[in-house]
Structures are given as structure tokens and as C-alpha cells.
């Protein structure tokens, strides 16, 4: 089975601060998204990586790649990001189609991962691939909700005025990436979705087409770097993983 990782690094990352998109900022001496690329390559040496980047940052990314030692450069195919996450995934799937060529599309596995999650581990990726092979359907990583949760009665811009009620957190899980699907299934679901802007991840697109997804165990370290303080946490976790 051919395996593809679509790593989404097409956003501007404005909430994280800094002079460049967060996915290109340095963590432990390497661009943030490089760590995610490395994890997929470590998980399976035959993995084909599709890196989705906003075309306005192609040159910036190339400069960062050229500055890395040759032995740390990871093979990948560059793909143009879209205006939304869904467009970026769709562009990534088109790129995978080109890489597949005449190979049977039904035998391909595609993993969609947020490039802002640099701490995904090779072990977690392999666990997801195993879950996919067992289920034969789409699988997504989740973690139990550890904080108390409340549900808002309606969307509100003012928390002070919002009405809410407590919910049972045991019934909720937090969703991570990579989310893993049969290539043809994911393509068909994206093509049939009427309004992709309404979906926040790939699982919701697949479920909207009437398909079920299964769960596999995520990792607490697989955080999404969103705010400035997250860089401090991510670097500390990487150093701890390296035994520094």
C-alpha cells in the first residue's frame, strides 16, 4: 500500500506572533514543520510527503531548506495552499493524484496532518496506520477531555453575557491529527461536500457523506502550536524527548 502524508503548512500563523508564519519559525534549531515531516519519515521510510505551503512563502521555505545540512533534508513534494484549510487539503489530494500516476488509487493511504503539530511521534503515526489497516475505514486520533466543559446556549462574543450549562466530559474527546483515510474515499467526500467552509477537519467531511470514522489513541504531547507560549512548551518537550 502506498502511503502519503499531506502536511498542512499554508496558514499565516498570525496568532503565534513573530515575523514569519509559525510553521517556519525555529524550534530547537529547525523549522517547526520540519519536525512533523521528520516524524512521518521516521514512521515509514517509504512515506511520500506532500507539503502544503502558501505560494507567497515558497521562497522563504526554500531559504530555510537550503540552510539545513544535506543529511537533514527530507524529500517532499511542494503544493500550493488554498484560501481555507479545506482548499489546502483538496490541493494536497490533487498532488497525491499526480504522484500516484497509474497506480491503483484504491490501495493508497492518505494521512492529513496539521503542520502546527510538530511533536507528533513516529510511534503515534505507526499506531494510526495499524488502526487504519485493522478498520479499513477512516481513523482519527483523540485524547480524553481533562478539563471541565460547559456548553454555550448560543455562540457569543461576550463570555460575561453567555448562558451555558455543564456537560459530562466523559462523553467528549479532543481531536488531533494525523487523520488517516483511504485516498479514494477522502477524495470522493471532498468532491461531494456542498460547503467545505462548514467543516473543521477531515473526519467531519467524511461523516457528512455518510461514512463512519474510528478512533485511535493520540498523545498529550501532540499539541497544536497556536499562541506564543506554545513555542516555549514545544521546545521544552522536544528537548525532553531528546534527553537534554
Protein backbone atom coordinates (compact mmCIF):
# COMPACT_ATOMS: atom_id res chain seq x y z
CA UNK A 1 0.00 0.00 0.00
CA UNK A 2 1.36 3.41 -0.95
CA UNK A 3 1.31 5.92 1.88
CA UNK A 4 1.06 9.69 1.62
CA UNK A 5 1.27 12.37 4.30
CA UNK A 6 -0.34 15.70 3.46
CA UNK A 7 1.18 18.18 5.90
CA UNK A 8 -0.71 21.46 6.03
CA UNK A 9 1.57 24.47 6.44
CA UNK A 10 -0.32 27.01 4.37
CA UNK A 11 -1.56 29.44 7.03
CA UNK A 12 -0.19 32.79 8.13
CA UNK A 13 0.00 31.84 11.81
CA UNK A 14 -0.76 35.38 12.96
CA UNK A 15 -1.92 34.40 16.46
CA UNK A 16 1.50 32.95 17.21
CA UNK A 17 3.22 36.30 16.63
CA UNK A 18 6.64 36.75 15.02
CA UNK A 19 7.78 37.99 11.61
CA UNK A 20 7.00 34.82 9.65
CA UNK A 21 4.34 32.10 9.64
CA UNK A 22 4.60 29.94 12.74
CA UNK A 23 5.26 26.80 10.72
CA UNK A 24 8.61 28.25 9.60
CA UNK A 25 9.77 29.58 12.96
CA UNK A 26 12.67 27.78 14.58
CA UNK A 27 12.24 25.21 17.34
CA UNK A 28 15.43 23.56 18.59
CA UNK A 29 17.27 24.88 15.55
CA UNK A 30 14.88 23.63 12.87
CA UNK A 31 11.65 25.00 11.32
CA UNK A 32 8.57 23.93 13.25
CA UNK A 33 7.05 21.99 10.34
CA UNK A 34 10.31 20.11 9.75
CA UNK A 35 9.78 18.19 12.98
CA UNK A 36 6.43 16.90 11.73
CA UNK A 37 8.00 15.92 8.40
CA UNK A 38 10.75 14.06 10.24
CA UNK A 39 8.21 12.12 12.32
CA UNK A 40 6.43 10.83 9.22
CA UNK A 41 9.69 9.84 7.57
CA UNK A 42 10.82 8.10 10.78
CA UNK A 43 7.48 6.27 10.97
CA UNK A 44 7.91 4.79 7.49
CA UNK A 45 10.88 5.40 5.21
CA UNK A 46 8.65 4.85 2.16
CA UNK A 47 6.22 7.58 3.18
CA UNK A 48 5.68 10.20 0.46
CA UNK A 49 5.27 13.67 1.93
CA UNK A 50 3.20 16.43 0.35
CA UNK A 51 3.92 19.78 2.00
CA UNK A 52 1.16 22.37 1.50
CA UNK A 53 2.54 25.92 1.66
CA UNK A 54 1.07 29.32 0.75
CA UNK A 55 2.67 30.27 -2.60
CA UNK A 56 3.72 33.62 -1.13
CA UNK A 57 6.12 31.77 1.18
CA UNK A 58 7.71 29.35 -1.27
CA UNK A 59 10.94 31.38 -1.38
CA UNK A 60 11.09 31.69 2.41
CA UNK A 61 10.73 27.95 2.79
CA UNK A 62 13.42 27.28 0.17
CA UNK A 63 15.85 29.55 2.01
CA UNK A 64 15.22 27.60 5.22
CA UNK A 65 15.73 24.28 3.42
CA UNK A 66 18.97 25.45 1.81
CA UNK A 67 20.32 26.41 5.24
CA UNK A 68 19.89 22.87 6.59
CA UNK A 69 22.62 20.24 6.38
CA UNK A 70 22.18 17.86 3.47
CA UNK A 71 21.63 14.86 5.77
CA UNK A 72 18.63 16.59 7.42
CA UNK A 73 16.81 17.47 4.21
CA UNK A 74 13.67 15.39 3.92
CA UNK A 75 12.29 14.55 0.44
CA UNK A 76 8.86 16.07 -0.21
CA UNK A 77 6.59 17.42 -2.92
CA UNK A 78 5.57 21.07 -2.58
CA UNK A 79 1.93 22.01 -3.06
CA UNK A 80 0.12 25.37 -3.16
CA UNK A 81 -2.06 26.13 -0.16
CA UNK A 82 -5.61 27.37 -0.63
CA UNK A 83 -7.64 30.17 0.94
CA UNK A 84 -9.03 27.77 3.54
CA UNK A 85 -7.91 24.55 5.21
CA UNK A 86 -10.36 22.59 3.07
CA UNK A 87 -8.93 24.08 -0.12
CA UNK A 88 -5.43 23.22 1.04
CA UNK A 89 -6.44 19.60 1.66
CA UNK A 90 -8.12 19.46 -1.76
CA UNK A 91 -4.93 20.79 -3.39
CA UNK A 92 -2.93 18.20 -1.48
CA UNK A 93 -5.18 15.42 -2.74
CA UNK A 94 -4.70 16.62 -6.33
CA UNK A 95 -0.95 16.48 -5.79
CA UNK A 96 -1.26 12.93 -4.47
CA UNK A 97 -3.20 12.03 -7.62
CA UNK A 98 -0.23 13.18 -9.69
CA UNK A 99 2.18 11.16 -7.57
CA UNK A 100 0.02 8.05 -7.87
CA UNK A 101 0.12 8.14 -11.63
CA UNK A 102 -1.22 4.85 -12.96
CA UNK A 103 -1.04 3.09 -9.58
CA UNK A 104 -4.37 1.85 -8.16
CA UNK A 105 -5.81 4.74 -6.13
CA UNK A 106 -7.91 2.37 -4.06
CA UNK A 107 -4.81 0.92 -2.47
CA UNK A 108 -3.42 4.24 -1.20
CA UNK A 109 -3.50 5.50 2.37
CA UNK A 110 -3.51 9.26 2.94
CA UNK A 111 -2.73 10.99 6.24
CA UNK A 112 -3.67 14.62 6.77
CA UNK A 113 -1.66 16.39 9.47
CA UNK A 114 -1.57 19.94 10.78
CA UNK A 115 1.95 21.27 10.33
CA UNK A 116 1.44 23.24 13.54
CA UNK A 117 1.70 19.93 15.46
CA UNK A 118 5.47 19.40 15.41
CA UNK A 119 5.51 16.95 18.32
CA UNK A 120 3.63 14.11 16.68
CA UNK A 121 5.71 10.99 17.23
CA UNK A 122 6.66 8.24 14.80
CA UNK A 123 5.10 5.76 17.24
CA UNK A 124 1.76 7.54 17.18
CA UNK A 125 1.81 7.65 13.37
CA UNK A 126 2.50 3.92 13.21
CA UNK A 127 -0.31 3.32 15.72
CA UNK A 128 -2.66 5.22 13.43
CA UNK A 129 -1.56 3.23 10.38
CA UNK A 130 -2.14 -0.02 12.27
CA UNK A 131 -5.62 1.15 13.32
CA UNK A 132 -6.38 2.06 9.70
CA UNK A 133 -5.32 -1.38 8.45
CA UNK A 134 -7.49 -3.11 11.05
CA UNK A 135 -10.59 -0.96 10.50
CA UNK A 136 -10.39 -0.46 6.75
CA UNK A 137 -12.07 2.90 7.34
CA UNK A 138 -11.02 6.38 8.29
CA UNK A 139 -9.35 6.71 11.70
CA UNK A 140 -8.62 9.79 13.80
CA UNK A 141 -6.53 10.30 16.95
CA UNK A 142 -8.25 11.54 20.10
CA UNK A 143 -7.42 12.29 23.72
CA UNK A 144 -9.83 12.33 26.69
CA UNK A 145 -11.01 15.78 27.74
CA UNK A 146 -9.27 16.61 31.02
CA UNK A 147 -10.85 19.97 31.81
CA UNK A 148 -14.41 20.57 32.95
CA UNK A 149 -16.59 21.52 29.99
CA UNK A 150 -19.57 23.80 29.56
CA UNK A 151 -21.82 24.16 26.54
CA UNK A 152 -22.88 27.60 25.42
CA UNK A 153 -26.57 28.10 24.72
CA UNK A 154 -25.58 30.07 21.61
CA UNK A 155 -22.40 31.49 20.06
CA UNK A 156 -21.39 34.62 21.94
CA UNK A 157 -18.65 37.21 21.64
CA UNK A 158 -19.03 38.12 25.29
CA UNK A 159 -18.38 35.37 27.83
CA UNK A 160 -19.72 37.59 30.58
CA UNK A 161 -23.14 37.57 28.91
CA UNK A 162 -23.14 33.98 27.67
CA UNK A 163 -25.57 31.39 29.03
CA UNK A 164 -24.12 27.92 29.49
CA UNK A 165 -24.53 24.61 31.26
CA UNK A 166 -22.21 21.83 32.45
CA UNK A 167 -21.76 18.74 30.28
CA UNK A 168 -20.32 15.32 31.11
CA UNK A 169 -16.72 15.47 29.94
CA UNK A 170 -16.53 11.64 29.86
CA UNK A 171 -18.64 11.83 26.69
CA UNK A 172 -16.16 14.11 24.90
CA UNK A 173 -12.71 13.68 23.43
CA UNK A 174 -10.26 16.15 21.89
CA UNK A 175 -9.41 15.51 18.24
CA UNK A 176 -5.87 15.61 16.87
CA UNK A 177 -4.09 14.78 13.63
CA UNK A 178 -2.95 12.86 11.60
CA UNK A 179 -6.35 11.73 10.38
CA UNK A 180 -6.00 8.73 8.08
CA UNK A 181 -8.29 7.65 5.24
CA UNK A 182 -8.41 5.59 2.07
CA UNK A 183 -7.30 8.00 -0.63
CA UNK A 184 -10.28 7.45 -2.94
CA UNK A 185 -12.79 7.79 -0.09
CA UNK A 186 -11.37 11.11 1.06
CA UNK A 187 -11.28 12.46 -2.50
CA UNK A 188 -14.90 11.49 -3.11
CA UNK A 189 -16.06 13.05 0.16
CA UNK A 190 -14.32 16.34 -0.55
CA UNK A 191 -15.80 16.44 -4.04
CA UNK A 192 -19.35 15.76 -2.78
CA UNK A 193 -19.31 18.24 0.14
CA UNK A 194 -21.53 21.23 -0.61
CA UNK A 195 -19.90 23.79 1.70
CA UNK A 196 -16.38 22.90 2.79
CA UNK A 197 -16.09 26.04 4.91
CA UNK A 198 -18.53 24.45 7.38
CA UNK A 199 -16.10 21.66 8.33
CA UNK A 200 -13.20 21.97 10.74
CA UNK A 201 -11.43 18.71 9.94
CA UNK A 202 -11.37 15.81 7.51
CA UNK A 203 -13.41 13.48 9.70
CA UNK A 204 -16.36 15.86 9.59
CA UNK A 205 -16.16 15.97 5.78
CA UNK A 206 -16.17 12.17 5.60
CA UNK A 207 -19.03 11.84 8.10
CA UNK A 208 -21.11 14.37 6.16
CA UNK A 209 -21.03 11.92 3.24
CA UNK A 210 -22.49 9.17 5.44
CA UNK A 211 -19.31 7.31 6.36
CA UNK A 212 -18.13 6.35 9.84
CA UNK A 213 -14.72 7.07 11.33
CA UNK A 214 -12.95 5.09 14.04
CA UNK A 215 -10.76 6.39 16.84
CA UNK A 216 -7.20 5.67 17.86
CA UNK A 217 -5.18 6.92 20.79
CA UNK A 218 -3.47 10.28 20.40
CA UNK A 219 -0.73 11.74 22.58
CA UNK A 220 -0.79 14.54 25.13
CA UNK A 221 2.48 15.90 23.70
CA UNK A 222 0.90 16.25 20.24
CA UNK A 223 -0.03 19.87 20.91
CA UNK A 224 -1.04 22.40 18.29
CA UNK A 225 1.25 25.43 18.39
CA UNK A 226 -1.11 28.37 18.23
CA UNK A 227 -0.02 31.08 20.69
CA UNK A 228 3.45 32.49 21.54
CA UNK A 229 3.73 30.50 24.78
CA UNK A 230 3.19 27.28 22.84
CA UNK A 231 6.66 27.65 21.30
CA UNK A 232 8.21 27.54 24.76
CA UNK A 233 6.25 24.40 25.62
CA UNK A 234 7.04 22.71 22.30
CA UNK A 235 10.77 23.39 22.60
CA UNK A 236 10.83 22.10 26.18
CA UNK A 237 9.05 18.91 25.12
CA UNK A 238 11.42 18.35 22.20
CA UNK A 239 14.45 18.80 24.45
CA UNK A 240 12.96 16.40 27.00
CA UNK A 241 12.35 13.86 24.23
CA UNK A 242 15.98 14.19 23.17
CA UNK A 243 17.12 13.74 26.78
CA UNK A 244 18.61 17.22 27.06
